[in-house]
Amino acid sequence: MADGTDSGFSEGQSSGPGGSSGPISPDLDPLNITTSTVDLEESLDMGAETPLDCGPTPRSFYTLFTDGEGDQKSTGDDITALTQSSLAGLRLDDALASDVHDLFVTVDDPEKHITNMESYITYRVTTKTTRSDYDSHEYVVRRRYQDFLWLRERLEATNPTHLIPPLPEKHSFRRLDRFSPEFLKTRQAALQKFLSRIVDHPTLSFNENLTIFLTAKELASHRKQAQGIMGKMGSSMRSMAAGYMLKNRSPEYATMQEYVNTFGAKMGTIDRINQRLLKEMTDYQQDLREFGPVFTLWSNSETELAPAMLGMASGVEKCEKALDQQISDQEHVFAPPVKEYILYAEAMKAVLKRRDSIQMEYELTVEDLSRKRNDREQLKMSDQSYSLGAFLGKDPEEVRQQKRTKLDSQIEELLKQVEVSNDSVECANADLKADLERWHRNKRRDVKEVFSELCDRNIQYYQECLSAWEETLQEINQKSELETASTLATPTSSCPDTPNLATPTSSITPPLPATPTKGGTEGGAAEGQGGTQ
């Protein structure tokens, strides 16, 4: 068995109802996407001497080996060569069919319909195929959500041991109107994934109900043939009883059940935390929407601070837009896959219960057969002289012979039932293991893709916020520098009470002498001479 393959449950297991099991891996972390699992394609490699595990045998263990020439050798007490080769062929077809793509389905063009009784949405389902069991190579029909639900119920009823992909919940997005474009886009993507998983399945893609769904113009007549409520309740009760009445459940399937429970719980925790984060981000977005206008209004009353206030308003607005995109991506891109795998966990639990129900029927049949054999052995030693037939006048030996004949007939019938039940358990185990391996491969791919997208979106969101605030800071600093330069370039006005020594004013400049007249000059000279004397 090659390294690097991944099952998430066990390594080198061999199991059977009531039998022992090989070493089981203690690693049950559902989110450990690097856990190794059994790779079906490698185990079916041509010429490999790897055992083809077709599931546990209720009565004894057996293993199919493929030698270098392709011949098969079988061991086991009660398993015929025909059953072994048939199961091996199913596993081989299951592995090879995943590479054959001859059926393509597209879901698009949601359309609203309004009637007097209700309003609903239909989607266009386009099918292109080259299969000979289809009358045409292309079909176009319109289907509503209830039609998809009918298809899944029919697939589950006709393939109880296969893992049927889950449908999105009918009202899973509480924040959105079910007729809004965002809701329809998300619902369309979920329905597309549902059909894609079915048409890629090597068994479900050939189901007649899928053919009807893809080709029939109307499904009303077919939907009337669906299983009734009482039938669903009966199946559910049998599945619940099987979990309590099963005596020899293999440790391998107990480990599967534990893994599914842990995986579902962890995915549920992620979904709840994501819902809380969405609520907190929505409240924060509302605060940002109220925060930005505060700076805009403030700038109207503070002329000198207006550039800084407008810059802050611009930064808040950019952050709010980036947050709005982050909320949309987290709600419509991250949340749907998480919800899908929560529903997948519930679907796996249902398959395990149905598998337990099949094994329980086998065990009850084996117990009934054992009781009949004991009754036949006791009949040899019992005295029939006091039996009811003897009291009615029959010969005791004749009574014994009649009882023996009846027991022989019952034992023969029970032996056939045991063989049929054994084959049913074998097929259930093979179907469950193959689907589980396929589911693990899809899970690893989906989880890596979803988490990578979540990381990229968070990086982009914080980069946009960082860029917005850097631009705001740069804009504020540039406007502050311009204001400072403008202030330095403008001359400062002097105070009126303080004289400017550099520039003389008229208040301190002595008056110039007036130009004298002739009379005035003589009088002034005589007056000056008198004063001198």
Foldseek 3Di string as FASTA:
>chain_A
DDPQAAQLWADPWFKAQQDAIDDIDPRLQLPPLSHHDDDLVVQPPQQDQRWDDLFHFHPDGKTWGQHNVRDIDIDDDPDDPVLVVVSVVVSVLQVVLLPDDFKDKAWADWDWDDDPVDIFIKIWIKMAGDDPVDPDRIAIEIGTPVLVVLLQQVLCVVCVLAQQFDQDDPPPDPVDDCPDPLNVVLNRVRVNVNVVVQCSGSPSVPDVSVVCSRHPHDCPVVSVPGDDPVVVVVLVVLLVVLVVQRDRGMVSLVSVLVSLVNNLVVLVVVLVVLVVVLVVLVVVLVVLVVVLVVLVVVCVVPVVCNQLSNLVSQLSVLLSVLSVVLSSCSSRPQNPVSVSVSVSSVSLSSSSSVLSSLVSVLVVLVVVLVVLVVVLVVLVVDFQCPPPVVVVPDDSVVVSVVSNVVSVVVNVVSVVVNVVSSSVSSNSRSNNSSNSSVVSVVVSVVVVVSVVVNVVSVVVSVVSSVVSVVVSVVSVVVVVVVVVVVVVVDDDDDDVVDDDPVDDDPVPDDDDDDDDDPVRVVVVVVVVVVVVD
